[in-house]
């Protein structure tokens, strides 16, 4: 290859959604009629159902042949980029990493996929053992005392932490006065959003001149009204707060609880733990740190751990082992109840369990070391690109990611981070806009993880360098990108206008009066 950049042009299909492909009467499969002996035993299968469960009209499903279904989904797959296809370090705070395919085999085995949550405990001892032992692993990794896998992702884990905070203070008779939650502006936005949904007043701590949350600002906002602290460390800037134990002490001294958002613990596995920073709770995203893929927003698991003093507030059920069998324990005295149906996303739990088993304790530390090495190599190279910079903590290393800025590029060329994002797609890269809140001007957040080789990181850097060079020499090419991808430059006004949203096909037909 003469250049590190590959020749790339993605397939582009003018593909309708499957409902628009539907033709009345067209069939993909014709189910055989039940044999008479079966009918005699099973009956008509309908009359046994309660009246209110029987549809008056058939469901409005697309009617389409097998061959056309196959073409439809294969075309869509050709329009997709992802961690198994391209260098996907531009996903920002979302940690795209390689999920070993043997783990995918485990997770997609019929022994896993055919499980039903209402099966008798005696028939699911294997998966209960995996859940129990993954709990033990995460206790060791965090230093905390008990985990639940019920939350369906990081944001729901944060909501669960906020619910436990509320239940704890209610148990102590202080829930009425403790109505404030403290977080930091560069913690994950859900650390503020989830408790705000519950009615808590939110206080944000901004960084000092070194990019570390200002401890003096924290001292000014803590009070007898403080219910808790929900904080990410390292924050989304990739800067680790070395004073984190002081933060938890300040909040504990006024009677608050401390929850550690470790959605992304990729750079600190085996290096730091929640226990040593005196947190009461923490959670890990199994679909980030522990290799289970994001899967377009799911299936996910926000594995939530607590210390002994909060164990009785966890969601039910927990998996227990009595020396002979594994079983569900619903007898949790002050449980907040369920935060979602059933017991957690089993496929994510299986992948995480397999990943930890295969790596062991030294392997987990090596993940952190390589992730940090890759990130700081990437930062050095990005800062050499004209127009790019990494605000805060000048001259210092970062942990697992960095929130960079194209502010200088924008000032000198008029090209924005959104323009660069679209142009990177023309080279087969992904540079998503996961940078909220937009305090860093013209932000772009990169995280290489331990999965990518030096050669792949160099390839990504070459893409950034090429786009920056184009911004200075031929800005119109960048401004009107992408040119070789499935998407085009779109008017985002409709995306920001809820009145134009249609979440389902039925809602679309109703909203646009087409049905």
Protein backbone atom coordinates (compact mmCIF):
# COMPACT_ATOMS: atom_id res chain seq x y z
CA UNK A 1 0.00 0.00 0.00
CA UNK A 2 1.39 3.39 -1.00
CA UNK A 3 -0.65 5.08 1.69
CA UNK A 4 -1.91 4.03 5.10
CA UNK A 5 -5.36 5.10 3.91
CA UNK A 6 -7.34 2.44 2.07
CA UNK A 7 -9.39 2.98 -1.07
CA UNK A 8 -12.91 2.93 0.29
CA UNK A 9 -16.34 3.25 -1.25
CA UNK A 10 -19.29 1.86 0.61
CA UNK A 11 -22.26 0.20 -1.05
CA UNK A 12 -25.20 2.56 -1.23
CA UNK A 13 -28.69 1.25 -1.77
CA UNK A 14 -31.82 3.34 -2.10
CA UNK A 15 -33.44 0.80 0.20
CA UNK A 16 -37.00 1.33 1.46
CA UNK A 17 -37.93 0.20 4.95
CA UNK A 18 -39.44 -3.29 5.04
CA UNK A 19 -43.01 -2.04 5.50
CA UNK A 20 -42.73 -0.17 2.20
CA UNK A 21 -41.64 -3.40 0.51
CA UNK A 22 -44.74 -5.21 1.74
CA UNK A 23 -47.21 -6.59 -0.84
CA UNK A 24 -50.56 -7.88 0.37
CA UNK A 25 -50.74 -11.65 0.02
CA UNK A 26 -47.01 -12.17 -0.55
CA UNK A 27 -45.65 -14.89 1.74
CA UNK A 28 -42.24 -15.73 3.09
CA UNK A 29 -43.25 -19.05 4.59
CA UNK A 30 -46.40 -21.16 4.54
CA UNK A 31 -46.95 -22.92 7.85
CA UNK A 32 -48.15 -26.52 7.53
CA UNK A 33 -51.59 -27.40 8.82
CA UNK A 34 -51.62 -29.25 12.12
CA UNK A 35 -52.28 -32.97 11.84
CA UNK A 36 -55.64 -34.24 13.09
CA UNK A 37 -54.12 -36.10 16.07
CA UNK A 38 -52.49 -32.86 17.22
CA UNK A 39 -55.71 -30.89 16.77
CA UNK A 40 -57.53 -33.39 18.95
CA UNK A 41 -55.04 -32.86 21.79
CA UNK A 42 -54.30 -29.12 21.39
CA UNK A 43 -57.68 -27.92 20.20
CA UNK A 44 -57.87 -24.74 18.12
CA UNK A 45 -55.43 -22.91 20.41
CA UNK A 46 -57.62 -19.80 20.40
CA UNK A 47 -60.71 -20.62 22.43
CA UNK A 48 -58.59 -21.31 25.52
CA UNK A 49 -57.25 -17.74 25.53
CA UNK A 50 -58.94 -14.96 27.54
CA UNK A 51 -61.16 -12.79 25.36
CA UNK A 52 -59.10 -9.64 26.00
CA UNK A 53 -55.96 -11.35 24.64
CA UNK A 54 -57.47 -12.22 21.26
CA UNK A 55 -56.81 -9.73 18.46
CA UNK A 56 -59.80 -8.40 16.59
CA UNK A 57 -57.63 -7.91 13.48
CA UNK A 58 -54.34 -9.57 12.47
CA UNK A 59 -51.13 -7.67 13.31
CA UNK A 60 -50.01 -5.25 10.59
CA UNK A 61 -46.82 -7.11 9.70
CA UNK A 62 -45.02 -6.75 6.36
CA UNK A 63 -45.93 -9.40 3.79
CA UNK A 64 -42.84 -10.25 1.78
CA UNK A 65 -41.10 -13.26 0.25
CA UNK A 66 -38.01 -14.92 1.72
CA UNK A 67 -35.78 -13.89 -1.16
CA UNK A 68 -36.72 -10.22 -0.86
CA UNK A 69 -36.27 -10.30 2.93
CA UNK A 70 -32.77 -11.71 2.42
CA UNK A 71 -31.87 -9.01 -0.13
CA UNK A 72 -33.29 -6.29 2.13
CA UNK A 73 -31.21 -7.17 5.18
CA UNK A 74 -28.04 -7.97 3.24
CA UNK A 75 -28.25 -4.56 1.56
CA UNK A 76 -28.65 -2.88 4.94
CA UNK A 77 -25.65 -4.84 6.26
CA UNK A 78 -23.54 -3.50 3.38
CA UNK A 79 -24.38 0.02 4.50
CA UNK A 80 -23.03 -0.54 8.01
CA UNK A 81 -19.67 0.23 9.57
CA UNK A 82 -18.62 -1.29 12.88
CA UNK A 83 -15.78 -2.58 15.03
CA UNK A 84 -15.46 -5.81 13.00
CA UNK A 85 -15.12 -3.87 9.73
CA UNK A 86 -13.19 -0.70 10.34
CA UNK A 87 -10.99 1.14 12.84
CA UNK A 88 -13.73 2.31 15.17
CA UNK A 89 -11.83 4.38 17.73
CA UNK A 90 -13.96 7.44 17.02
CA UNK A 91 -16.97 6.21 18.99
CA UNK A 92 -15.99 8.58 21.76
CA UNK A 93 -17.08 7.61 25.25
CA UNK A 94 -18.65 4.36 24.08
CA UNK A 95 -15.63 2.02 23.98
CA UNK A 96 -15.81 -0.10 20.85
CA UNK A 97 -13.51 -3.07 21.28
CA UNK A 98 -13.02 -6.54 19.91
CA UNK A 99 -15.29 -9.23 21.28
CA UNK A 100 -13.53 -12.60 20.82
CA UNK A 101 -15.59 -14.76 18.49
CA UNK A 102 -15.36 -17.78 20.79
CA UNK A 103 -17.27 -15.68 23.33
CA UNK A 104 -19.86 -14.94 20.65
CA UNK A 105 -20.21 -18.69 20.17
CA UNK A 106 -20.91 -19.12 23.87
CA UNK A 107 -23.41 -16.24 23.95
CA UNK A 108 -25.30 -17.43 20.85
CA UNK A 109 -25.34 -21.10 21.84
CA UNK A 110 -28.82 -22.60 22.02
CA UNK A 111 -28.01 -23.40 25.64
CA UNK A 112 -28.11 -19.64 26.24
CA UNK A 113 -30.53 -18.28 23.65
CA UNK A 114 -33.24 -20.83 24.37
CA UNK A 115 -33.36 -20.16 28.11
CA UNK A 116 -36.61 -18.74 29.42
CA UNK A 117 -36.73 -16.45 32.47
CA UNK A 118 -39.67 -18.38 33.94
CA UNK A 119 -37.91 -21.74 33.89
CA UNK A 120 -37.66 -23.55 37.19
CA UNK A 121 -34.38 -22.87 39.01
CA UNK A 122 -33.46 -26.55 38.83
CA UNK A 123 -33.34 -26.35 35.02
CA UNK A 124 -31.08 -23.27 34.81
CA UNK A 125 -28.32 -24.08 37.27
CA UNK A 126 -25.63 -23.40 34.66
CA UNK A 127 -26.56 -19.80 33.90
CA UNK A 128 -27.22 -19.10 37.57
CA UNK A 129 -23.70 -20.33 38.32
CA UNK A 130 -22.27 -17.97 35.68
CA UNK A 131 -24.22 -15.04 37.14
CA UNK A 132 -23.10 -15.92 40.66
CA UNK A 133 -19.44 -16.26 39.69
CA UNK A 134 -19.42 -13.08 37.57
CA UNK A 135 -20.69 -11.32 40.69
CA UNK A 136 -17.66 -12.73 42.57
CA UNK A 137 -15.28 -11.55 39.85
CA UNK A 138 -16.67 -8.02 39.88
CA UNK A 139 -16.47 -7.91 43.67
CA UNK A 140 -12.75 -8.59 43.38
CA UNK A 141 -12.29 -6.06 40.56
CA UNK A 142 -14.18 -3.31 42.46
CA UNK A 143 -13.61 -4.24 46.10
CA UNK A 144 -17.35 -3.94 46.74
CA UNK A 145 -19.56 -6.60 48.32
CA UNK A 146 -22.43 -7.51 46.00
CA UNK A 147 -23.55 -7.01 42.38
CA UNK A 148 -26.81 -7.06 40.47
CA UNK A 149 -27.01 -7.46 36.68
CA UNK A 150 -30.57 -6.24 36.38
CA UNK A 151 -29.96 -2.70 34.99
CA UNK A 152 -30.18 -2.73 31.19
CA UNK A 153 -27.27 -0.33 30.67
CA UNK A 154 -25.26 2.47 32.24
CA UNK A 155 -28.02 5.06 32.41
CA UNK A 156 -30.36 2.59 34.08
CA UNK A 157 -27.57 1.64 36.50
CA UNK A 158 -27.25 5.34 37.39
CA UNK A 159 -31.01 5.53 37.90
CA UNK A 160 -30.70 2.47 40.13
CA UNK A 161 -27.94 4.13 42.16
CA UNK A 162 -30.10 7.23 42.56
CA UNK A 163 -33.02 5.01 43.63
CA UNK A 164 -30.83 3.29 46.23
CA UNK A 165 -29.68 6.69 47.50
CA UNK A 166 -33.32 7.73 47.88
CA UNK A 167 -34.30 4.46 49.60
CA UNK A 168 -31.32 4.67 51.99
CA UNK A 169 -32.18 8.20 53.12
CA UNK A 170 -35.86 7.28 53.38
CA UNK A 171 -34.87 4.38 55.66
CA UNK A 172 -32.96 6.88 57.81
CA UNK A 173 -35.88 9.32 57.79
CA UNK A 174 -33.94 11.98 55.84
CA UNK A 175 -35.31 11.69 52.31
CA UNK A 176 -37.34 14.90 52.54
CA UNK A 177 -34.40 17.14 53.35
CA UNK A 178 -31.78 15.36 51.22
CA UNK A 179 -32.85 16.46 47.76
CA UNK A 180 -29.53 17.39 46.10
CA UNK A 181 -27.16 15.34 43.96
CA UNK A 182 -23.64 16.50 43.07
CA UNK A 183 -21.83 15.50 39.87
CA UNK A 184 -19.15 16.98 37.62
CA UNK A 185 -19.65 18.64 34.27
CA UNK A 186 -17.42 16.08 32.51
CA UNK A 187 -18.96 13.04 34.17
CA UNK A 188 -21.27 11.08 31.91
CA UNK A 189 -24.38 13.25 31.33
CA UNK A 190 -26.65 10.53 32.75
CA UNK A 191 -25.05 11.09 36.17
CA UNK A 192 -27.08 14.29 36.21
CA UNK A 193 -30.02 13.26 34.03
CA UNK A 194 -31.06 10.11 35.93
CA UNK A 195 -31.36 11.71 39.40
CA UNK A 196 -32.93 14.81 37.82
CA UNK A 197 -35.69 12.58 36.44
CA UNK A 198 -36.34 11.52 40.05
CA UNK A 199 -36.70 15.14 41.13
CA UNK A 200 -33.26 15.76 42.62
CA UNK A 201 -31.67 19.18 42.31
CA UNK A 202 -28.35 18.84 40.47
CA UNK A 203 -25.10 20.65 41.27
CA UNK A 204 -22.25 20.55 38.76
CA UNK A 205 -18.57 20.82 39.70
CA UNK A 206 -16.44 22.39 36.97
CA UNK A 207 -12.74 21.65 36.42
CA UNK A 208 -9.89 23.70 37.81
CA UNK A 209 -7.01 24.95 35.66
CA UNK A 210 -5.59 21.40 35.50
CA UNK A 211 -8.82 19.86 34.23
CA UNK A 212 -9.53 18.15 37.57
CA UNK A 213 -12.89 18.75 39.30
CA UNK A 214 -12.47 21.73 41.61
CA UNK A 215 -12.45 20.42 45.18
CA UNK A 216 -13.05 23.90 46.61
CA UNK A 217 -16.24 24.14 44.53
CA UNK A 218 -17.34 20.81 45.99
CA UNK A 219 -16.84 22.09 49.53
CA UNK A 220 -19.10 25.05 48.76
CA UNK A 221 -22.08 22.97 47.60
CA UNK A 222 -22.12 20.07 50.08
CA UNK A 223 -24.59 20.45 52.94
CA UNK A 224 -27.11 18.57 55.02
CA UNK A 225 -29.26 18.61 51.85
CA UNK A 226 -26.72 16.51 49.94
CA UNK A 227 -28.13 13.08 49.12
CA UNK A 228 -25.15 11.86 47.16
CA UNK A 229 -22.30 12.24 44.69
CA UNK A 230 -22.47 10.53 41.27
CA UNK A 231 -19.17 10.89 39.47
CA UNK A 232 -17.09 9.46 36.63
CA UNK A 233 -13.35 9.04 37.10
CA UNK A 234 -11.51 9.36 34.82
CA UNK A 235 -13.96 11.84 33.40
CA UNK A 236 -14.87 11.98 29.72
CA UNK A 237 -11.78 14.11 29.13
CA UNK A 238 -9.66 11.08 30.07
CA UNK A 239 -8.23 12.92 33.08
CA UNK A 240 -8.05 10.92 36.31
CA UNK A 241 -8.89 12.80 39.50
CA UNK A 242 -6.16 11.92 42.04
CA UNK A 243 -8.17 13.59 44.81
CA UNK A 244 -11.14 11.27 44.40
CA UNK A 245 -10.87 9.84 47.95
CA UNK A 246 -11.04 13.41 49.30
CA UNK A 247 -14.24 13.93 47.28
CA UNK A 248 -15.94 10.89 48.79
CA UNK A 249 -14.83 11.88 52.30
CA UNK A 250 -16.28 15.37 51.95
CA UNK A 251 -19.64 13.93 50.87
CA UNK A 252 -19.61 11.21 53.53
CA UNK A 253 -18.86 13.81 56.22
CA UNK A 254 -22.23 15.47 55.55
CA UNK A 255 -24.08 12.13 55.44
CA UNK A 256 -24.29 11.64 51.66
CA UNK A 257 -23.64 8.50 49.63
CA UNK A 258 -21.12 8.17 46.79
CA UNK A 259 -21.76 6.36 43.50
CA UNK A 260 -18.91 5.65 41.08
CA UNK A 261 -19.79 5.70 37.37
CA UNK A 262 -17.31 3.19 35.95
CA UNK A 263 -19.17 2.62 32.70
CA UNK A 264 -15.74 2.75 31.10
CA UNK A 265 -13.08 1.22 33.35
CA UNK A 266 -10.93 0.21 30.41
CA UNK A 267 -7.81 2.08 31.51
CA UNK A 268 -7.90 1.24 35.24
CA UNK A 269 -8.73 -2.48 35.46
CA UNK A 270 -6.61 -3.99 38.20
CA UNK A 271 -5.00 -0.58 38.83
CA UNK A 272 -7.59 1.28 40.94
CA UNK A 273 -10.77 0.10 42.66
CA UNK A 274 -13.92 1.66 44.04
CA UNK A 275 -13.19 0.35 47.52
CA UNK A 276 -9.92 2.23 47.93
CA UNK A 277 -11.65 5.50 46.99
CA UNK A 278 -14.36 4.69 49.59
CA UNK A 279 -17.33 4.55 47.22
CA UNK A 280 -20.62 3.09 48.40
CA UNK A 281 -21.64 1.96 44.92
CA UNK A 282 -20.22 1.55 41.44
CA UNK A 283 -21.29 0.10 38.13
CA UNK A 284 -19.54 -1.29 35.06
CA UNK A 285 -20.96 -1.42 31.56
CA UNK A 286 -20.41 -5.00 30.48
CA UNK A 287 -20.91 -3.80 26.90
CA UNK A 288 -17.91 -1.49 27.18
CA UNK A 289 -15.16 -2.59 29.53
CA UNK A 290 -15.98 -6.30 29.43
CA UNK A 291 -16.15 -6.72 25.65
CA UNK A 292 -19.84 -7.42 25.02
CA UNK A 293 -20.65 -5.37 21.90
CA UNK A 294 -22.83 -2.28 22.02
CA UNK A 295 -25.21 -3.73 19.46
CA UNK A 296 -26.71 -0.38 18.40
CA UNK A 297 -27.61 0.63 21.93
CA UNK A 298 -28.23 -2.85 23.29
CA UNK A 299 -28.42 -5.50 24.54
CA UNK A 300 -26.51 -4.03 27.43
CA UNK A 301 -25.89 -4.50 31.13
CA UNK A 302 -24.93 -1.96 33.77
CA UNK A 303 -23.57 -4.29 36.46
CA UNK A 304 -24.16 -2.47 39.75
CA UNK A 305 -22.23 -3.19 42.94
CA UNK A 306 -22.70 -1.95 46.51
CA UNK A 307 -21.04 -2.18 49.91
CA UNK A 308 -22.58 -4.22 52.72
CA UNK A 309 -24.49 -1.25 54.16
CA UNK A 310 -26.51 -0.94 50.94
CA UNK A 311 -27.00 -4.63 50.20
CA UNK A 312 -30.57 -4.65 51.55
CA UNK A 313 -31.61 -1.96 49.05
CA UNK A 314 -30.56 -3.84 45.87
CA UNK A 315 -33.12 -4.85 43.23
CA UNK A 316 -34.61 -8.32 43.56
CA UNK A 317 -33.86 -11.11 42.95
CA UNK A 318 -30.20 -11.82 43.72
CA UNK A 319 -28.57 -15.14 42.83
CA UNK A 320 -27.43 -17.13 45.88
CA UNK A 321 -25.64 -20.46 46.39
CA UNK A 322 -26.31 -22.68 49.40
CA UNK A 323 -23.46 -25.12 48.74
CA UNK A 324 -25.63 -27.45 46.72
CA UNK A 325 -27.69 -25.36 44.31
CA UNK A 326 -28.05 -21.83 42.96
CA UNK A 327 -31.32 -20.02 43.55
CA UNK A 328 -33.08 -16.66 43.36
CA UNK A 329 -33.35 -14.70 46.58
CA UNK A 330 -36.31 -12.31 46.76
CA UNK A 331 -35.96 -11.76 50.49
CA UNK A 332 -34.18 -8.37 50.41
CA UNK A 333 -35.73 -6.33 53.26
CA UNK A 334 -35.63 -2.79 51.83
CA UNK A 335 -35.21 -3.62 48.14
CA UNK A 336 -36.07 -0.93 45.61
CA UNK A 337 -37.85 -3.73 43.72
CA UNK A 338 -37.16 -4.43 40.07
CA UNK A 339 -35.62 -1.87 37.71
CA UNK A 340 -36.42 -4.02 34.67
CA UNK A 341 -37.98 -7.37 33.89
CA UNK A 342 -36.17 -10.57 34.74
CA UNK A 343 -32.54 -10.80 35.84
CA UNK A 344 -30.28 -9.10 33.30
CA UNK A 345 -29.16 -9.53 29.68
CA UNK A 346 -27.83 -13.07 29.74
CA UNK A 347 -25.80 -12.82 26.51
CA UNK A 348 -23.83 -9.84 27.88
CA UNK A 349 -23.27 -11.66 31.17
CA UNK A 350 -21.94 -14.76 29.38
CA UNK A 351 -19.56 -12.74 27.21
CA UNK A 352 -18.21 -10.80 30.19
CA UNK A 353 -17.75 -13.99 32.21
CA UNK A 354 -15.87 -15.68 29.35
CA UNK A 355 -13.72 -12.59 28.76
CA UNK A 356 -12.65 -12.35 32.41
CA UNK A 357 -12.03 -16.11 32.67
CA UNK A 358 -9.82 -16.06 29.55
CA UNK A 359 -7.73 -13.09 30.72
CA UNK A 360 -7.34 -13.66 34.45
CA UNK A 361 -6.13 -10.96 36.83
CA UNK A 362 -2.84 -10.23 35.02
CA UNK A 363 -4.65 -10.17 31.69
CA UNK A 364 -7.08 -7.55 32.96
CA UNK A 365 -4.17 -5.38 34.07
CA UNK A 366 -2.58 -5.83 30.64
CA UNK A 367 -5.83 -4.60 29.04
CA UNK A 368 -5.54 -1.41 31.10
CA UNK A 369 -1.85 -0.94 30.33
CA UNK A 370 -2.29 -1.33 26.57
CA UNK A 371 -5.42 0.87 26.52
CA UNK A 372 -3.50 3.67 28.27
CA UNK A 373 -0.45 3.21 26.03
CA UNK A 374 -2.58 3.31 22.87
CA UNK A 375 -4.46 6.37 24.08
CA UNK A 376 -1.37 8.40 24.87
CA UNK A 377 0.32 7.42 21.60
CA UNK A 378 -2.82 8.54 19.78
CA UNK A 379 -2.90 11.82 21.73
CA UNK A 380 0.70 12.62 20.83
CA UNK A 381 -0.02 12.05 17.13
CA UNK A 382 -3.32 13.96 17.11
CA UNK A 383 -1.72 17.00 18.70
CA UNK A 384 0.78 17.09 15.82
CA UNK A 385 -2.08 17.58 13.31
CA UNK A 386 -2.58 21.24 12.30
CA UNK A 387 -5.81 22.58 13.80
CA UNK A 388 -6.17 19.89 16.51
CA UNK A 389 -5.62 20.22 20.24
CA UNK A 390 -6.35 18.51 23.58
CA UNK A 391 -7.60 21.08 26.13
CA UNK A 392 -6.73 20.77 29.84
CA UNK A 393 -3.86 19.00 31.61
CA UNK A 394 -1.23 20.31 29.20
CA UNK A 395 1.82 18.04 29.07
CA UNK A 396 0.19 15.30 31.15
CA UNK A 397 -0.89 11.81 30.20
CA UNK A 398 -4.54 10.80 29.90
CA UNK A 399 -6.08 7.48 30.82
CA UNK A 400 -8.37 5.72 28.34
CA UNK A 401 -9.64 8.49 26.04
CA UNK A 402 -9.27 12.20 25.25
CA UNK A 403 -11.76 14.89 24.37
CA UNK A 404 -9.96 16.78 21.62
CA UNK A 405 -10.87 20.05 19.92
CA UNK A 406 -10.88 21.30 16.31
CA UNK A 407 -11.37 24.89 17.47
CA UNK A 408 -8.18 26.14 15.77
CA UNK A 409 -9.12 24.34 12.53
CA UNK A 410 -12.56 25.97 12.60
CA UNK A 411 -11.13 29.42 13.25
CA UNK A 412 -8.63 29.09 10.40
CA UNK A 413 -10.71 27.24 7.79
CA UNK A 414 -14.39 27.40 8.75
CA UNK A 415 -14.47 23.59 8.86
CA UNK A 416 -16.29 22.30 11.95
CA UNK A 417 -16.00 19.04 13.85
CA UNK A 418 -19.28 17.98 12.22
CA UNK A 419 -17.70 18.49 8.79
CA UNK A 420 -14.65 16.44 9.77
CA UNK A 421 -16.92 13.69 11.13
CA UNK A 422 -18.71 13.36 7.79
CA UNK A 423 -15.49 13.45 5.76
CA UNK A 424 -13.89 10.72 7.88
CA UNK A 425 -16.69 8.43 6.71
CA UNK A 426 -15.30 8.77 3.16
CA UNK A 427 -12.16 7.00 4.36
CA UNK A 428 -14.06 4.22 6.12
CA UNK A 429 -13.80 5.63 9.64
CA UNK A 430 -16.34 6.48 12.28
CA UNK A 431 -16.07 9.68 14.31
CA UNK A 432 -19.29 9.97 16.26
CA UNK A 433 -20.36 13.12 18.10
CA UNK A 434 -20.51 11.73 21.67
CA UNK A 435 -19.19 14.84 23.40
CA UNK A 436 -21.94 16.25 25.61
CA UNK A 437 -21.86 18.77 27.14
CA UNK A 438 -20.24 20.90 24.43
CA UNK A 439 -17.90 22.77 26.76
CA UNK A 440 -14.80 21.79 24.80
CA UNK A 441 -15.26 23.80 21.57
CA UNK A 442 -15.57 21.79 18.32
CA UNK A 443 -15.03 18.54 20.23
CA UNK A 444 -14.09 15.08 19.05
CA UNK A 445 -13.59 12.23 21.50
CA UNK A 446 -11.36 9.27 20.61
CA UNK A 447 -10.68 6.04 22.49
CA UNK A 448 -8.44 3.38 20.92
CA UNK A 449 -8.90 0.71 23.67
CA UNK A 450 -6.52 -2.23 23.88
CA UNK A 451 -7.99 -3.82 20.75
CA UNK A 452 -6.23 -1.76 18.09
CA UNK A 453 -2.68 -2.27 16.89
CA UNK A 454 -0.20 0.53 16.30
CA UNK A 455 -0.72 0.06 12.54
CA UNK A 456 -4.48 0.56 12.87
CA UNK A 457 -4.05 3.62 15.08
CA UNK A 458 -1.61 5.02 12.50
CA UNK A 459 -4.20 4.39 9.79
CA UNK A 460 -6.80 6.36 11.74
CA UNK A 461 -4.34 9.19 12.39
CA UNK A 462 -3.59 9.29 8.67
CA UNK A 463 -7.31 9.82 8.05
CA UNK A 464 -7.44 12.74 10.48
CA UNK A 465 -4.31 14.27 8.94
CA UNK A 466 -5.71 13.95 5.42
CA UNK A 467 -9.01 15.61 6.36
CA UNK A 468 -7.21 18.43 8.19
CA UNK A 469 -5.01 18.96 5.13
CA UNK A 470 -8.10 19.09 2.91
CA UNK A 471 -9.70 21.61 5.29
CA UNK A 472 -6.82 24.00 4.70
CA UNK A 473 -6.39 23.36 0.94
CA UNK A 474 -9.79 22.28 -0.44
CA UNK A 475 -12.37 23.03 2.27
CA UNK A 476 -15.38 22.56 -0.03
CA UNK A 477 -14.59 18.84 -0.30
CA UNK A 478 -14.83 18.53 3.46
CA UNK A 479 -17.81 20.88 3.75
CA UNK A 480 -19.89 18.80 1.33
CA UNK A 481 -18.81 15.36 2.56
CA UNK A 482 -19.45 12.49 2.56
CA UNK A 483 -18.95 11.56 -1.07
CA UNK A 484 -18.25 7.81 -0.91
CA UNK A 485 -20.62 6.66 1.80
CA UNK A 486 -24.23 5.62 2.16
CA UNK A 487 -25.26 8.87 3.79
CA UNK A 488 -25.27 12.40 2.48
CA UNK A 489 -25.18 15.78 4.13
CA UNK A 490 -28.57 16.11 5.75
CA UNK A 491 -30.65 18.89 7.19
CA UNK A 492 -30.62 18.15 10.92
CA UNK A 493 -33.53 20.47 11.72
CA UNK A 494 -36.02 17.58 11.53
CA UNK A 495 -33.86 15.57 13.97
CA UNK A 496 -34.17 18.40 16.49
CA UNK A 497 -37.94 18.75 16.04
CA UNK A 498 -39.95 16.17 18.01
CA UNK A 499 -43.10 17.02 16.06
CA UNK A 500 -41.51 15.35 13.03
CA UNK A 501 -40.36 12.21 14.81
CA UNK A 502 -42.06 8.87 14.12
CA UNK A 503 -40.74 6.03 16.25
CA UNK A 504 -42.83 3.29 14.60
CA UNK A 505 -44.27 2.66 11.15
CA UNK A 506 -47.79 3.03 12.53
CA UNK A 507 -46.84 6.39 14.09
CA UNK A 508 -45.36 7.49 10.76
CA UNK A 509 -48.53 6.62 8.86
CA UNK A 510 -50.66 8.41 11.44
CA UNK A 511 -48.46 11.49 11.64
CA UNK A 512 -48.25 11.87 7.88
CA UNK A 513 -51.88 10.78 7.30
CA UNK A 514 -50.88 7.93 5.03
CA UNK A 515 -52.92 5.25 6.70
